[in-house]
Amino acid sequence: MASTIDDIADALVSALQTELTGATVLRNEAYPERVPSGGLVIVNDGDPGTPERLLGGFSEAFYTRTMEIHVLAQGVTSSDRDSTFSTLLAGIGDVIEADLTVGGRGGITNYSAPTSEVFAPDAGGAAVKAGTIFLTMEYETTSPLG
């Protein structure tokens, strides 16, 4: 059986894959040497933090987890990178706002504006614009491992 965070992250990845048709969407992956032409989105599970427990038992734990959505766009010109990056951000925003409960699995309580930086890949090639959106998710589970 998948854990609660697996269910949430998989549902989020699936929704992003549907919305961002030209992009590659992955989960818990490292930055590649080369970014696909339609852009790359990587959803990381993030840190679960310390759970809150109901009084009188340990049967349920409530977590507030900060997940990370990394957005990468590669292009020869800054306008190419900026355009792809903006398109990805708009699609991610649409997915988040369309279902703040991620199919009833939890609740998205907050998300940040993206950070942004431009860097040249070690292997050469066109520059990459990268950013991270921090997504705060609340959910409950019966086990810290589940």
C-alpha atoms as a PDB file:
ATOM      1  CA  MET A   1       0.000   0.000   0.000  1.00  0.00           C
ATOM      2  CA  ALA A   2       1.303   3.439  -0.917  1.00  0.00           C
ATOM      3  CA  SER A   3       1.853   6.030   1.784  1.00  0.00           C
ATOM      4  CA  THR A   4      -0.286   9.149   2.028  1.00  0.00           C
ATOM      5  CA  ILE A   5       2.501  11.343   0.676  1.00  0.00           C
ATOM      6  CA  ASP A   6       3.015   8.913  -2.219  1.00  0.00           C
ATOM      7  CA  ASP A   7      -0.682   9.213  -3.078  1.00  0.00           C
ATOM      8  CA  ILE A   8      -0.533  13.011  -2.881  1.00  0.00           C
ATOM      9  CA  ALA A   9       2.692  13.374  -4.868  1.00  0.00           C
ATOM     10  CA  ASP A  10       1.621  10.852  -7.522  1.00  0.00           C
ATOM     11  CA  ALA A  11      -1.731  12.630  -7.958  1.00  0.00           C
ATOM     12  CA  LEU A  12       0.019  15.994  -8.251  1.00  0.00           C
ATOM     13  CA  VAL A  13       2.499  14.620 -10.811  1.00  0.00           C
ATOM     14  CA  SER A  14      -0.337  13.055 -12.809  1.00  0.00           C
ATOM     15  CA  ALA A  15      -2.300  16.326 -12.866  1.00  0.00           C
ATOM     16  CA  LEU A  16       0.811  18.258 -13.930  1.00  0.00           C
ATOM     17  CA  GLN A  17       1.552  15.746 -16.707  1.00  0.00           C
ATOM     18  CA  THR A  18      -1.988  16.211 -18.021  1.00  0.00           C
ATOM     19  CA  GLU A  19      -1.831  20.027 -17.900  1.00  0.00           C
ATOM     20  CA  LEU A  20       1.765  20.540 -19.077  1.00  0.00           C
ATOM     21  CA  THR A  21       1.539  18.574 -22.321  1.00  0.00           C
ATOM     22  CA  GLY A  22       4.862  19.717 -23.781  1.00  0.00           C
ATOM     23  CA  ALA A  23       6.883  19.367 -20.581  1.00  0.00           C
ATOM     24  CA  THR A  24       8.452  16.432 -18.795  1.00  0.00           C
ATOM     25  CA  VAL A  25       7.147  15.985 -15.243  1.00  0.00           C
ATOM     26  CA  LEU A  26       9.069  13.776 -12.785  1.00  0.00           C
ATOM     27  CA  ARG A  27       9.079  13.016  -9.083  1.00  0.00           C
ATOM     28  CA  ASN A  28      12.110  13.024  -6.756  1.00  0.00           C
ATOM     29  CA  GLU A  29      14.700  13.211  -9.532  1.00  0.00           C
ATOM     30  CA  ALA A  30      17.985  15.108  -9.740  1.00  0.00           C
ATOM     31  CA  TYR A  31      18.486  17.852 -12.296  1.00  0.00           C
ATOM     32  CA  PRO A  32      19.549  16.250 -15.593  1.00  0.00           C
ATOM     33  CA  GLU A  33      22.447  17.406 -17.748  1.00  0.00           C
ATOM     34  CA  ARG A  34      19.992  18.448 -20.432  1.00  0.00           C
ATOM     35  CA  VAL A  35      16.479  19.886 -20.044  1.00  0.00           C
ATOM     36  CA  PRO A  36      13.808  18.683 -22.516  1.00  0.00           C
ATOM     37  CA  SER A  37      12.745  21.329 -25.041  1.00  0.00           C
ATOM     38  CA  GLY A  38       9.281  21.772 -23.473  1.00  0.00           C
ATOM     39  CA  GLY A  39      10.752  22.263 -20.020  1.00  0.00           C
ATOM     40  CA  LEU A  40      11.084  20.083 -16.951  1.00  0.00           C
ATOM     41  CA  VAL A  41       9.108  19.992 -13.700  1.00  0.00           C
ATOM     42  CA  ILE A  42      10.323  17.921 -10.749  1.00  0.00           C
ATOM     43  CA  VAL A  43       8.082  17.382  -7.719  1.00  0.00           C
ATOM     44  CA  ASN A  44      10.023  16.599  -4.529  1.00  0.00           C
ATOM     45  CA  ASP A  45       8.281  15.180  -1.477  1.00  0.00           C
ATOM     46  CA  GLY A  46       9.969  17.656   0.873  1.00  0.00           C
ATOM     47  CA  ASP A  47      10.153  17.621   4.644  1.00  0.00           C
ATOM     48  CA  PRO A  48       7.167  16.319   6.644  1.00  0.00           C
ATOM     49  CA  GLY A  49       8.054  18.289   9.751  1.00  0.00           C
ATOM     50  CA  THR A  50       6.827  17.215  13.181  1.00  0.00           C
ATOM     51  CA  PRO A  51       3.327  15.739  13.300  1.00  0.00           C
ATOM     52  CA  GLU A  52       0.539  16.964  15.502  1.00  0.00           C
ATOM     53  CA  ARG A  53      -1.263  14.181  17.348  1.00  0.00           C
ATOM     54  CA  LEU A  54      -4.823  14.020  18.611  1.00  0.00           C
ATOM     55  CA  LEU A  55      -5.176  13.993  22.376  1.00  0.00           C
ATOM     56  CA  GLY A  56      -5.676  10.560  23.847  1.00  0.00           C
ATOM     57  CA  GLY A  57      -3.794   8.444  21.355  1.00  0.00           C
ATOM     58  CA  PHE A  58      -1.437   7.959  18.508  1.00  0.00           C
ATOM     59  CA  SER A  59      -3.904   6.635  15.954  1.00  0.00           C
ATOM     60  CA  GLU A  60      -3.745   9.710  13.712  1.00  0.00           C
ATOM     61  CA  ALA A  61      -1.019  12.183  12.900  1.00  0.00           C
ATOM     62  CA  PHE A  62      -1.520  15.494  11.090  1.00  0.00           C
ATOM     63  CA  TYR A  63       1.377  16.719   8.976  1.00  0.00           C
ATOM     64  CA  THR A  64       2.189  20.054   7.422  1.00  0.00           C
ATOM     65  CA  ARG A  65       4.686  19.225   4.691  1.00  0.00           C
ATOM     66  CA  THR A  66       6.511  21.645   2.442  1.00  0.00           C
ATOM     67  CA  MET A  67       6.853  20.064  -0.975  1.00  0.00           C
ATOM     68  CA  GLU A  68       9.056  21.535  -3.704  1.00  0.00           C
ATOM     69  CA  ILE A  69       8.175  21.951  -7.355  1.00  0.00           C
ATOM     70  CA  HIS A  70      11.310  22.629  -9.400  1.00  0.00           C
ATOM     71  CA  VAL A  71      10.785  24.279 -12.781  1.00  0.00           C
ATOM     72  CA  LEU A  72      13.497  24.265 -15.446  1.00  0.00           C
ATOM     73  CA  ALA A  73      13.536  25.820 -18.912  1.00  0.00           C
ATOM     74  CA  GLN A  74      16.498  25.692 -21.278  1.00  0.00           C
ATOM     75  CA  GLY A  75      16.946  27.912 -24.304  1.00  0.00           C
ATOM     76  CA  VAL A  76      19.488  29.668 -26.459  1.00  0.00           C
ATOM     77  CA  THR A  77      18.025  33.101 -25.704  1.00  0.00           C
ATOM     78  CA  SER A  78      16.666  34.572 -22.512  1.00  0.00           C
ATOM     79  CA  SER A  79      13.311  35.176 -24.200  1.00  0.00           C
ATOM     80  CA  ASP A  80      13.075  31.451 -25.086  1.00  0.00           C
ATOM     81  CA  ARG A  81      13.819  30.472 -21.475  1.00  0.00           C
ATOM     82  CA  ASP A  82      11.486  33.108 -20.036  1.00  0.00           C
ATOM     83  CA  SER A  83       8.628  32.097 -22.319  1.00  0.00           C
ATOM     84  CA  THR A  84       8.885  28.388 -21.490  1.00  0.00           C
ATOM     85  CA  PHE A  85       9.323  29.145 -17.783  1.00  0.00           C
ATOM     86  CA  SER A  86       6.240  31.398 -17.732  1.00  0.00           C
ATOM     87  CA  THR A  87       4.148  28.808 -19.580  1.00  0.00           C
ATOM     88  CA  LEU A  88       5.147  26.141 -17.048  1.00  0.00           C
ATOM     89  CA  LEU A  89       4.341  28.428 -14.099  1.00  0.00           C
ATOM     90  CA  ALA A  90       0.904  29.249 -15.511  1.00  0.00           C
ATOM     91  CA  GLY A  91       0.120  25.551 -15.947  1.00  0.00           C
ATOM     92  CA  ILE A  92       1.318  24.687 -12.442  1.00  0.00           C
ATOM     93  CA  GLY A  93      -0.831  27.478 -11.021  1.00  0.00           C
ATOM     94  CA  ASP A  94      -3.846  26.160 -12.933  1.00  0.00           C
ATOM     95  CA  VAL A  95      -3.321  22.649 -11.505  1.00  0.00           C
ATOM     96  CA  ILE A  96      -2.927  23.895  -7.932  1.00  0.00           C
ATOM     97  CA  GLU A  97      -5.933  26.224  -8.052  1.00  0.00           C
ATOM     98  CA  ALA A  98      -8.156  23.639  -9.781  1.00  0.00           C
ATOM     99  CA  ASP A  99      -7.897  21.165  -6.897  1.00  0.00           C
ATOM    100  CA  LEU A 100      -6.587  22.438  -3.570  1.00  0.00           C
ATOM    101  CA  THR A 101      -7.382  19.052  -1.972  1.00  0.00           C
ATOM    102  CA  VAL A 102      -5.404  17.012  -4.549  1.00  0.00           C
ATOM    103  CA  GLY A 103      -8.366  14.718  -5.093  1.00  0.00           C
ATOM    104  CA  GLY A 104      -9.376  14.764  -1.431  1.00  0.00           C
ATOM    105  CA  ARG A 105      -5.998  13.458  -0.247  1.00  0.00           C
ATOM    106  CA  GLY A 106      -5.036  16.526   1.777  1.00  0.00           C
ATOM    107  CA  GLY A 107      -5.123  20.275   1.557  1.00  0.00           C
ATOM    108  CA  ILE A 108      -2.835  22.747  -0.143  1.00  0.00           C
ATOM    109  CA  THR A 109      -2.749  25.620   2.317  1.00  0.00           C
ATOM    110  CA  ASN A 110      -0.162  27.849   0.658  1.00  0.00           C
ATOM    111  CA  TYR A 111       2.267  28.087  -2.216  1.00  0.00           C
ATOM    112  CA  SER A 112       5.020  30.544  -2.929  1.00  0.00           C
ATOM    113  CA  ALA A 113       6.030  32.650  -5.860  1.00  0.00           C
ATOM    114  CA  PRO A 114       8.902  30.875  -7.586  1.00  0.00           C
ATOM    115  CA  THR A 115      12.526  31.568  -6.896  1.00  0.00           C
ATOM    116  CA  SER A 116      14.467  32.145 -10.100  1.00  0.00           C
ATOM    117  CA  GLU A 117      18.036  31.797 -11.298  1.00  0.00           C
ATOM    118  CA  VAL A 118      19.847  31.263 -14.581  1.00  0.00           C
ATOM    119  CA  PHE A 119      22.852  28.975 -14.860  1.00  0.00           C
ATOM    120  CA  ALA A 120      25.011  27.357 -17.516  1.00  0.00           C
ATOM    121  CA  PRO A 121      25.023  23.540 -17.399  1.00  0.00           C
ATOM    122  CA  ASP A 122      28.334  21.816 -16.639  1.00  0.00           C
ATOM    123  CA  ALA A 123      28.186  19.870 -19.913  1.00  0.00           C
ATOM    124  CA  GLY A 124      27.914  23.064 -21.967  1.00  0.00           C
ATOM    125  CA  GLY A 125      24.935  23.979 -24.070  1.00  0.00           C
ATOM    126  CA  ALA A 126      22.251  26.582 -23.633  1.00  0.00           C
ATOM    127  CA  ALA A 127      21.620  28.261 -20.294  1.00  0.00           C
ATOM    128  CA  VAL A 128      18.880  27.041 -17.984  1.00  0.00           C
ATOM    129  CA  LYS A 129      16.365  29.131 -16.055  1.00  0.00           C
ATOM    130  CA  ALA A 130      15.389  27.314 -12.883  1.00  0.00           C
ATOM    131  CA  GLY A 131      13.022  28.109 -10.068  1.00  0.00           C
ATOM    132  CA  THR A 132      11.371  26.464  -7.105  1.00  0.00           C
ATOM    133  CA  ILE A 133       7.808  26.769  -5.865  1.00  0.00           C
ATOM    134  CA  PHE A 134       7.274  25.784  -2.232  1.00  0.00           C
ATOM    135  CA  LEU A 135       3.919  24.103  -1.722  1.00  0.00           C
ATOM    136  CA  THR A 136       2.541  23.669   1.789  1.00  0.00           C
ATOM    137  CA  MET A 137       0.352  20.591   2.111  1.00  0.00           C
ATOM    138  CA  GLU A 138      -1.590  19.383   5.152  1.00  0.00           C
ATOM    139  CA  TYR A 139      -2.725  15.789   5.470  1.00  0.00           C
ATOM    140  CA  GLU A 140      -3.407  13.122   8.057  1.00  0.00           C
ATOM    141  CA  THR A 141      -2.195   9.568   8.304  1.00  0.00           C
ATOM    142  CA  THR A 142      -2.344   6.745  10.809  1.00  0.00           C
ATOM    143  CA  SER A 143       1.400   6.150  10.724  1.00  0.00           C
ATOM    144  CA  PRO A 144       4.492   8.363  10.357  1.00  0.00           C
ATOM    145  CA  LEU A 145       5.613   5.851   7.712  1.00  0.00           C
ATOM    146  CA  GLY A 146       2.286   5.735   5.920  1.00  0.00           C
END
